[in-house]
């Protein structure tokens, strides 16, 4: 019996430099498309704030992604696909 799913492609580990890595004050939503090929994590924060997020991705080195919060709506988005992790 295989106890580890071979479908696991990534793990969102949360804010790199915070005691509480995932909080309701920072993470507004986590949405995965129906095909399960893209996940968008919406962040809240201060305009121009840089949020450091830790992500494990099967095809990339484990990394810290710097996401900047938009000055227009105080929101940032981390996007995870089968081949990439980026902020917009």
PDB file of N, CA and C in Angstrom:
ATOM      1  N   UNK A   1       0.840  -1.169   0.000  1.00  0.00           N
ATOM      2  CA  UNK A   1       0.000   0.000   0.000  1.00  0.00           C
ATOM      3  C   UNK A   1       0.891   1.241   0.000  1.00  0.00           C
ATOM      4  N   UNK A   2       0.621   2.176  -0.922  1.00  0.00           N
ATOM      5  CA  UNK A   2       1.371   3.425  -1.030  1.00  0.00           C
ATOM      6  C   UNK A   2       0.731   4.462  -0.113  1.00  0.00           C
ATOM      7  N   UNK A   3       1.456   4.876   0.931  1.00  0.00           N
ATOM      8  CA  UNK A   3       0.910   5.837   1.878  1.00  0.00           C
ATOM      9  C   UNK A   3       1.161   7.279   1.469  1.00  0.00           C
ATOM     10  N   UNK A   4       2.042   7.499   0.513  1.00  0.00           N
ATOM     11  CA  UNK A   4       2.345   8.849   0.060  1.00  0.00           C
ATOM     12  C   UNK A   4       1.772   9.028  -1.335  1.00  0.00           C
ATOM     13  N   UNK A   5       0.969  10.064  -1.500  1.00  0.00           N
ATOM     14  CA  UNK A   5       0.376  10.338  -2.803  1.00  0.00           C
ATOM     15  C   UNK A   5       1.454  10.750  -3.795  1.00  0.00           C
ATOM     16  N   UNK A   6       1.434  10.159  -4.963  1.00  0.00           N
ATOM     17  CA  UNK A   6       2.379  10.556  -6.007  1.00  0.00           C
ATOM     18  C   UNK A   6       1.873  11.786  -6.747  1.00  0.00           C
ATOM     19  N   UNK A   7       0.686  12.270  -6.399  1.00  0.00           N
ATOM     20  CA  UNK A   7       0.129  13.448  -7.048  1.00  0.00           C
ATOM     21  C   UNK A   7       0.534  14.750  -6.359  1.00  0.00           C
ATOM     22  N   UNK A   8       1.166  14.680  -5.208  1.00  0.00           N
ATOM     23  CA  UNK A   8       1.567  15.894  -4.510  1.00  0.00           C
ATOM     24  C   UNK A   8       2.653  16.596  -5.313  1.00  0.00           C
ATOM     25  N   UNK A   9       2.355  17.814  -5.745  1.00  0.00           N
ATOM     26  CA  UNK A   9       3.281  18.564  -6.587  1.00  0.00           C
ATOM     27  C   UNK A   9       3.892  19.755  -5.863  1.00  0.00           C
ATOM     28  N   UNK A  10       3.187  20.273  -4.850  1.00  0.00           N
ATOM     29  CA  UNK A  10       3.704  21.427  -4.132  1.00  0.00           C
ATOM     30  C   UNK A  10       3.059  21.520  -2.759  1.00  0.00           C
ATOM     31  N   UNK A  11       3.680  22.336  -1.911  1.00  0.00           N
ATOM     32  CA  UNK A  11       3.128  22.627  -0.584  1.00  0.00           C
ATOM     33  C   UNK A  11       3.364  24.099  -0.290  1.00  0.00           C
ATOM     34  N   UNK A  12       2.313  24.784   0.078  1.00  0.00           N
ATOM     35  CA  UNK A  12       2.413  26.176   0.513  1.00  0.00           C
ATOM     36  C   UNK A  12       2.741  26.158   1.998  1.00  0.00           C
ATOM     37  N   UNK A  13       3.910  26.678   2.367  1.00  0.00           N
ATOM     38  CA  UNK A  13       4.387  26.609   3.745  1.00  0.00           C
ATOM     39  C   UNK A  13       4.117  27.880   4.535  1.00  0.00           C
ATOM     40  N   UNK A  14       3.685  28.935   3.853  1.00  0.00           N
ATOM     41  CA  UNK A  14       3.308  30.166   4.538  1.00  0.00           C
ATOM     42  C   UNK A  14       4.407  31.209   4.576  1.00  0.00           C
ATOM     43  N   UNK A  15       4.200  32.208   5.440  1.00  0.00           N
ATOM     44  CA  UNK A  15       5.169  33.295   5.564  1.00  0.00           C
ATOM     45  C   UNK A  15       6.452  32.794   6.203  1.00  0.00           C
ATOM     46  N   UNK A  16       7.549  33.107   5.571  1.00  0.00           N
ATOM     47  CA  UNK A  16       8.852  32.603   5.976  1.00  0.00           C
ATOM     48  C   UNK A  16       9.287  33.126   7.332  1.00  0.00           C
ATOM     49  N   UNK A  17       9.052  34.386   7.610  1.00  0.00           N
ATOM     50  CA  UNK A  17       9.621  35.024   8.795  1.00  0.00           C
ATOM     51  C   UNK A  17       8.595  35.295   9.896  1.00  0.00           C
ATOM     52  N   UNK A  18       7.529  34.512   9.953  1.00  0.00           N
ATOM     53  CA  UNK A  18       6.481  34.724  10.955  1.00  0.00           C
ATOM     54  C   UNK A  18       6.316  33.496  11.843  1.00  0.00           C
ATOM     55  N   UNK A  19       5.978  33.735  13.099  1.00  0.00           N
ATOM     56  CA  UNK A  19       5.699  32.644  14.035  1.00  0.00           C
ATOM     57  C   UNK A  19       4.465  31.874  13.572  1.00  0.00           C
ATOM     58  N   UNK A  20       3.421  32.618  13.178  1.00  0.00           N
ATOM     59  CA  UNK A  20       2.219  32.006  12.613  1.00  0.00           C
ATOM     60  C   UNK A  20       2.351  32.114  11.099  1.00  0.00           C
ATOM     61  N   UNK A  21       2.688  31.029  10.448  1.00  0.00           N
ATOM     62  CA  UNK A  21       3.023  31.055   9.019  1.00  0.00           C
ATOM     63  C   UNK A  21       1.826  31.354   8.125  1.00  0.00           C
ATOM     64  N   UNK A  22       0.643  30.905   8.517  1.00  0.00           N
ATOM     65  CA  UNK A  22      -0.567  31.147   7.732  1.00  0.00           C
ATOM     66  C   UNK A  22      -1.620  31.710   8.681  1.00  0.00           C
ATOM     67  N   UNK A  23      -1.987  32.977   8.458  1.00  0.00           N
ATOM     68  CA  UNK A  23      -2.986  33.605   9.322  1.00  0.00           C
ATOM     69  C   UNK A  23      -4.117  34.188   8.489  1.00  0.00           C
ATOM     70  N   UNK A  24      -5.285  34.298   9.088  1.00  0.00           N
ATOM     71  CA  UNK A  24      -6.447  34.869   8.402  1.00  0.00           C
ATOM     72  C   UNK A  24      -6.243  36.351   8.107  1.00  0.00           C
ATOM     73  N   UNK A  25      -5.400  37.024   8.880  1.00  0.00           N
ATOM     74  CA  UNK A  25      -5.137  38.436   8.624  1.00  0.00           C
ATOM     75  C   UNK A  25      -4.329  38.630   7.337  1.00  0.00           C
ATOM     76  N   UNK A  26      -3.514  37.672   6.956  1.00  0.00           N
ATOM     77  CA  UNK A  26      -2.661  37.787   5.775  1.00  0.00           C
ATOM     78  C   UNK A  26      -3.235  37.042   4.566  1.00  0.00           C
ATOM     79  N   UNK A  27      -3.672  35.813   4.765  1.00  0.00           N
ATOM     80  CA  UNK A  27      -4.150  34.975   3.660  1.00  0.00           C
ATOM     81  C   UNK A  27      -5.655  35.163   3.522  1.00  0.00           C
ATOM     82  N   UNK A  28      -6.063  35.804   2.433  1.00  0.00           N
ATOM     83  CA  UNK A  28      -7.480  36.082   2.203  1.00  0.00           C
ATOM     84  C   UNK A  28      -8.195  34.878   1.617  1.00  0.00           C
ATOM     85  N   UNK A  29      -7.546  34.197   0.660  1.00  0.00           N
ATOM     86  CA  UNK A  29      -8.176  33.024   0.043  1.00  0.00           C
ATOM     87  C   UNK A  29      -7.130  32.140  -0.618  1.00  0.00           C
ATOM     88  N   UNK A  30      -7.501  30.875  -0.766  1.00  0.00           N
ATOM     89  CA  UNK A  30      -6.705  29.896  -1.506  1.00  0.00           C
ATOM     90  C   UNK A  30      -7.672  29.209  -2.453  1.00  0.00           C
ATOM     91  N   UNK A  31      -7.455  29.392  -3.758  1.00  0.00           N
ATOM     92  CA  UNK A  31      -8.383  28.874  -4.764  1.00  0.00           C
ATOM     93  C   UNK A  31      -7.611  28.022  -5.763  1.00  0.00           C
ATOM     94  N   UNK A  32      -8.098  26.812  -5.992  1.00  0.00           N
ATOM     95  CA  UNK A  32      -7.526  25.913  -6.996  1.00  0.00           C
ATOM     96  C   UNK A  32      -8.537  25.751  -8.118  1.00  0.00           C
ATOM     97  N   UNK A  33      -8.067  25.826  -9.365  1.00  0.00           N
ATOM     98  CA  UNK A  33      -8.996  25.670 -10.482  1.00  0.00           C
ATOM     99  C   UNK A  33      -9.512  24.230 -10.552  1.00  0.00           C
ATOM    100  N   UNK A  34     -10.629  23.994 -11.268  1.00  0.00           N
ATOM    101  CA  UNK A  34     -11.224  22.648 -11.317  1.00  0.00           C
ATOM    102  C   UNK A  34     -10.278  21.573 -11.863  1.00  0.00           C
ATOM    103  N   UNK A  35      -9.381  21.945 -12.760  1.00  0.00           N
ATOM    104  CA  UNK A  35      -8.439  20.980 -13.339  1.00  0.00           C
ATOM    105  C   UNK A  35      -7.279  20.675 -12.396  1.00  0.00           C
ATOM    106  N   UNK A  36      -7.201  21.422 -11.305  1.00  0.00           N
ATOM    107  CA  UNK A  36      -6.124  21.283 -10.317  1.00  0.00           C
ATOM    108  C   UNK A  36      -4.742  21.534 -10.932  1.00  0.00           C
ATOM    109  N   UNK A  37      -4.699  22.518 -11.841  1.00  0.00           N
ATOM    110  CA  UNK A  37      -3.438  22.872 -12.485  1.00  0.00           C
ATOM    111  C   UNK A  37      -2.910  24.225 -12.036  1.00  0.00           C
ATOM    112  N   UNK A  38      -3.705  24.943 -11.255  1.00  0.00           N
ATOM    113  CA  UNK A  38      -3.264  26.252 -10.783  1.00  0.00           C
ATOM    114  C   UNK A  38      -3.920  26.570  -9.446  1.00  0.00           C
ATOM    115  N   UNK A  39      -3.120  27.080  -8.525  1.00  0.00           N
ATOM    116  CA  UNK A  39      -3.629  27.558  -7.243  1.00  0.00           C
ATOM    117  C   UNK A  39      -3.231  29.017  -7.100  1.00  0.00           C
ATOM    118  N   UNK A  40      -4.193  29.839  -6.689  1.00  0.00           N
ATOM    119  CA  UNK A  40      -3.935  31.257  -6.449  1.00  0.00           C
ATOM    120  C   UNK A  40      -4.187  31.538  -4.974  1.00  0.00           C
ATOM    121  N   UNK A  41      -3.169  32.062  -4.317  1.00  0.00           N
ATOM    122  CA  UNK A  41      -3.258  32.418  -2.901  1.00  0.00           C
ATOM    123  C   UNK A  41      -3.266  33.941  -2.836  1.00  0.00           C
ATOM    124  N   UNK A  42      -4.367  34.495  -2.348  1.00  0.00           N
ATOM    125  CA  UNK A  42      -4.526  35.944  -2.279  1.00  0.00           C
ATOM    126  C   UNK A  42      -4.112  36.441  -0.898  1.00  0.00           C
ATOM    127  N   UNK A  43      -3.239  37.451  -0.909  1.00  0.00           N
ATOM    128  CA  UNK A  43      -2.659  38.011   0.315  1.00  0.00           C
ATOM    129  C   UNK A  43      -3.180  39.422   0.553  1.00  0.00           C
ATOM    130  N   UNK A  44      -3.278  39.805   1.811  1.00  0.00           N
ATOM    131  CA  UNK A  44      -3.616  41.177   2.176  1.00  0.00           C
ATOM    132  C   UNK A  44      -2.439  41.789   2.910  1.00  0.00           C
ATOM    133  N   UNK A  45      -2.266  43.102   2.740  1.00  0.00           N
ATOM    134  CA  UNK A  45      -1.186  43.777   3.439  1.00  0.00           C
ATOM    135  C   UNK A  45      -1.175  45.257   3.150  1.00  0.00           C
ATOM    136  N   UNK A  46      -0.097  45.903   3.552  1.00  0.00           N
ATOM    137  CA  UNK A  46       0.087  47.332   3.325  1.00  0.00           C
ATOM    138  C   UNK A  46       0.633  47.555   1.912  1.00  0.00           C
ATOM    139  N   UNK A  47       0.278  48.671   1.312  1.00  0.00           N
ATOM    140  CA  UNK A  47       0.771  49.020  -0.018  1.00  0.00           C
ATOM    141  C   UNK A  47       2.289  48.912  -0.079  1.00  0.00           C
ATOM    142  N   UNK A  48       2.782  48.265  -1.115  1.00  0.00           N
ATOM    143  CA  UNK A  48       4.209  48.078  -1.396  1.00  0.00           C
ATOM    144  C   UNK A  48       4.922  47.133  -0.423  1.00  0.00           C
ATOM    145  N   UNK A  49       4.205  46.560   0.530  1.00  0.00           N
ATOM    146  CA  UNK A  49       4.825  45.625   1.475  1.00  0.00           C
ATOM    147  C   UNK A  49       5.345  44.394   0.728  1.00  0.00           C
ATOM    148  N   UNK A  50       6.498  43.897   1.131  1.00  0.00           N
ATOM    149  CA  UNK A  50       7.054  42.665   0.577  1.00  0.00           C
ATOM    150  C   UNK A  50       6.767  41.539   1.568  1.00  0.00           C
ATOM    151  N   UNK A  51       6.094  40.495   1.096  1.00  0.00           N
ATOM    152  CA  UNK A  51       5.754  39.344   1.926  1.00  0.00           C
ATOM    153  C   UNK A  51       6.585  38.160   1.440  1.00  0.00           C
ATOM    154  N   UNK A  52       7.355  37.546   2.332  1.00  0.00           N
ATOM    155  CA  UNK A  52       8.193  36.400   1.974  1.00  0.00           C
ATOM    156  C   UNK A  52       7.417  35.115   2.249  1.00  0.00           C
ATOM    157  N   UNK A  53       7.182  34.337   1.189  1.00  0.00           N
ATOM    158  CA  UNK A  53       6.400  33.109   1.292  1.00  0.00           C
ATOM    159  C   UNK A  53       7.257  31.900   0.945  1.00  0.00           C
ATOM    160  N   UNK A  54       7.139  30.859   1.750  1.00  0.00           N
ATOM    161  CA  UNK A  54       7.882  29.619   1.520  1.00  0.00           C
ATOM    162  C   UNK A  54       6.994  28.636   0.766  1.00  0.00           C
ATOM    163  N   UNK A  55       7.571  28.040  -0.278  1.00  0.00           N
ATOM    164  CA  UNK A  55       6.844  27.080  -1.105  1.00  0.00           C
ATOM    165  C   UNK A  55       7.768  25.912  -1.426  1.00  0.00           C
ATOM    166  N   UNK A  56       7.253  24.691  -1.233  1.00  0.00           N
ATOM    167  CA  UNK A  56       7.931  23.501  -1.755  1.00  0.00           C
ATOM    168  C   UNK A  56       7.269  23.191  -3.085  1.00  0.00           C
ATOM    169  N   UNK A  57       8.063  22.969  -4.121  1.00  0.00           N
ATOM    170  CA  UNK A  57       7.543  22.618  -5.446  1.00  0.00           C
ATOM    171  C   UNK A  57       8.382  21.464  -5.975  1.00  0.00           C
ATOM    172  N   UNK A  58       7.726  20.413  -6.450  1.00  0.00           N
ATOM    173  CA  UNK A  58       8.438  19.192  -6.851  1.00  0.00           C
ATOM    174  C   UNK A  58       9.456  19.403  -7.962  1.00  0.00           C
ATOM    175  N   UNK A  59       9.242  20.375  -8.841  1.00  0.00           N
ATOM    176  CA  UNK A  59      10.164  20.543  -9.966  1.00  0.00           C
ATOM    177  C   UNK A  59      11.089  21.749  -9.809  1.00  0.00           C
ATOM    178  N   UNK A  60      11.014  22.432  -8.673  1.00  0.00           N
ATOM    179  CA  UNK A  60      11.860  23.590  -8.421  1.00  0.00           C
ATOM    180  C   UNK A  60      12.545  23.422  -7.070  1.00  0.00           C
ATOM    181  N   UNK A  61      13.644  24.121  -6.858  1.00  0.00           N
ATOM    182  CA  UNK A  61      14.226  24.086  -5.512  1.00  0.00           C
ATOM    183  C   UNK A  61      13.231  24.700  -4.524  1.00  0.00           C
ATOM    184  N   UNK A  62      13.192  24.168  -3.319  1.00  0.00           N
ATOM    185  CA  UNK A  62      12.352  24.809  -2.302  1.00  0.00           C
ATOM    186  C   UNK A  62      12.797  26.253  -2.203  1.00  0.00           C
ATOM    187  N   UNK A  63      11.842  27.151  -2.132  1.00  0.00           N
ATOM    188  CA  UNK A  63      12.248  28.539  -2.243  1.00  0.00           C
ATOM    189  C   UNK A  63      11.382  29.486  -1.433  1.00  0.00           C
ATOM    190  N   UNK A  64      11.925  30.680  -1.279  1.00  0.00           N
ATOM    191  CA  UNK A  64      11.219  31.793  -0.675  1.00  0.00           C
ATOM    192  C   UNK A  64      10.871  32.744  -1.819  1.00  0.00           C
ATOM    193  N   UNK A  65       9.603  33.054  -1.944  1.00  0.00           N
ATOM    194  CA  UNK A  65       9.121  33.939  -2.997  1.00  0.00           C
ATOM    195  C   UNK A  65       8.764  35.276  -2.357  1.00  0.00           C
ATOM    196  N   UNK A  66       9.286  36.365  -2.910  1.00  0.00           N
ATOM    197  CA  UNK A  66       8.953  37.703  -2.425  1.00  0.00           C
ATOM    198  C   UNK A  66       7.773  38.244  -3.218  1.00  0.00           C
ATOM    199  N   UNK A  67       6.654  38.454  -2.534  1.00  0.00           N
ATOM    200  CA  UNK A  67       5.455  38.997  -3.174  1.00  0.00           C
ATOM    201  C   UNK A  67       5.226  40.422  -2.689  1.00  0.00           C
ATOM    202  N   UNK A  68       5.056  41.331  -3.636  1.00  0.00           N
ATOM    203  CA  UNK A  68       4.788  42.719  -3.261  1.00  0.00           C
ATOM    204  C   UNK A  68       3.285  42.966  -3.262  1.00  0.00           C
ATOM    205  N   UNK A  69       2.816  43.623  -2.209  1.00  0.00           N
ATOM    206  CA  UNK A  69       1.409  43.980  -2.101  1.00  0.00           C
ATOM    207  C   UNK A  69       1.159  45.194  -3.000  1.00  0.00           C
ATOM    208  N   UNK A  70       0.079  45.143  -3.764  1.00  0.00           N
ATOM    209  CA  UNK A  70      -0.258  46.203  -4.708  1.00  0.00           C
ATOM    210  C   UNK A  70      -0.645  47.491  -3.982  1.00  0.00           C
ATOM    211  N   UNK A  71      -0.170  48.627  -4.481  1.00  0.00           N
ATOM    212  CA  UNK A  71      -0.567  49.893  -3.864  1.00  0.00           C
ATOM    213  C   UNK A  71      -2.013  50.277  -4.185  1.00  0.00           C
ATOM    214  N   UNK A  72      -2.574  49.724  -5.249  1.00  0.00           N
ATOM    215  CA  UNK A  72      -3.923  50.120  -5.663  1.00  0.00           C
ATOM    216  C   UNK A  72      -5.033  49.457  -4.857  1.00  0.00           C
ATOM    217  N   UNK A  73      -4.806  48.206  -4.393  1.00  0.00           N
ATOM    218  CA  UNK A  73      -5.887  47.511  -3.673  1.00  0.00           C
ATOM    219  C   UNK A  73      -5.414  46.758  -2.431  1.00  0.00           C
ATOM    220  N   UNK A  74      -4.158  46.928  -2.047  1.00  0.00           N
ATOM    221  CA  UNK A  74      -3.574  46.274  -0.854  1.00  0.00           C
ATOM    222  C   UNK A  74      -3.669  44.753  -0.898  1.00  0.00           C
ATOM    223  N   UNK A  75      -3.547  44.201  -2.109  1.00  0.00           N
ATOM    224  CA  UNK A  75      -3.642  42.753  -2.326  1.00  0.00           C
ATOM    225  C   UNK A  75      -2.446  42.296  -3.153  1.00  0.00           C
ATOM    226  N   UNK A  76      -1.998  41.078  -2.903  1.00  0.00           N
ATOM    227  CA  UNK A  76      -0.999  40.413  -3.721  1.00  0.00           C
ATOM    228  C   UNK A  76      -1.466  38.996  -3.989  1.00  0.00           C
ATOM    229  N   UNK A  77      -0.923  38.366  -5.017  1.00  0.00           N
ATOM    230  CA  UNK A  77      -1.310  36.991  -5.332  1.00  0.00           C
ATOM    231  C   UNK A  77      -0.081  36.143  -5.617  1.00  0.00           C
ATOM    232  N   UNK A  78      -0.038  34.983  -4.966  1.00  0.00           N
ATOM    233  CA  UNK A  78       0.959  33.959  -5.245  1.00  0.00           C
ATOM    234  C   UNK A  78       0.285  32.935  -6.146  1.00  0.00           C
ATOM    235  N   UNK A  79       0.901  32.638  -7.281  1.00  0.00           N
ATOM    236  CA  UNK A  79       0.339  31.687  -8.241  1.00  0.00           C
ATOM    237  C   UNK A  79       1.263  30.478  -8.310  1.00  0.00           C
ATOM    238  N   UNK A  80       0.673  29.284  -8.166  1.00  0.00           N
ATOM    239  CA  UNK A  80       1.434  28.035  -8.238  1.00  0.00           C
ATOM    240  C   UNK A  80       0.851  27.197  -9.365  1.00  0.00           C
ATOM    241  N   UNK A  81       1.704  26.792 -10.310  1.00  0.00           N
ATOM    242  CA  UNK A  81       1.303  25.929 -11.422  1.00  0.00           C
ATOM    243  C   UNK A  81       2.193  24.683 -11.392  1.00  0.00           C
ATOM    244  N   UNK A  82       1.940  23.712 -12.266  1.00  0.00           N
ATOM    245  CA  UNK A  82       2.791  22.520 -12.279  1.00  0.00           C
ATOM    246  C   UNK A  82       4.262  22.802 -12.591  1.00  0.00           C
ATOM    247  N   UNK A  83       4.552  23.950 -13.204  1.00  0.00           N
ATOM    248  CA  UNK A  83       5.933  24.217 -13.593  1.00  0.00           C
ATOM    249  C   UNK A  83       6.529  25.502 -13.026  1.00  0.00           C
ATOM    250  N   UNK A  84       5.755  26.278 -12.259  1.00  0.00           N
ATOM    251  CA  UNK A  84       6.261  27.575 -11.829  1.00  0.00           C
ATOM    252  C   UNK A  84       5.569  28.053 -10.550  1.00  0.00           C
ATOM    253  N   UNK A  85       6.230  28.980  -9.871  1.00  0.00           N
ATOM    254  CA  UNK A  85       5.674  29.690  -8.717  1.00  0.00           C
ATOM    255  C   UNK A  85       6.049  31.151  -8.908  1.00  0.00           C
ATOM    256  N   UNK A  86       5.061  32.051  -8.875  1.00  0.00           N
ATOM    257  CA  UNK A  86       5.350  33.471  -9.071  1.00  0.00           C
ATOM    258  C   UNK A  86       4.283  34.329  -8.400  1.00  0.00           C
ATOM    259  N   UNK A  87       4.602  35.609  -8.257  1.00  0.00           N
ATOM    260  CA  UNK A  87       3.653  36.568  -7.692  1.00  0.00           C
ATOM    261  C   UNK A  87       3.201  37.518  -8.785  1.00  0.00           C
ATOM    262  N   UNK A  88       1.973  37.972  -8.599  1.00  0.00           N
ATOM    263  CA  UNK A  88       1.468  38.996  -9.524  1.00  0.00           C
ATOM    264  C   UNK A  88       0.668  40.015  -8.761  1.00  0.00           C
TER     265      UNK A  88
END
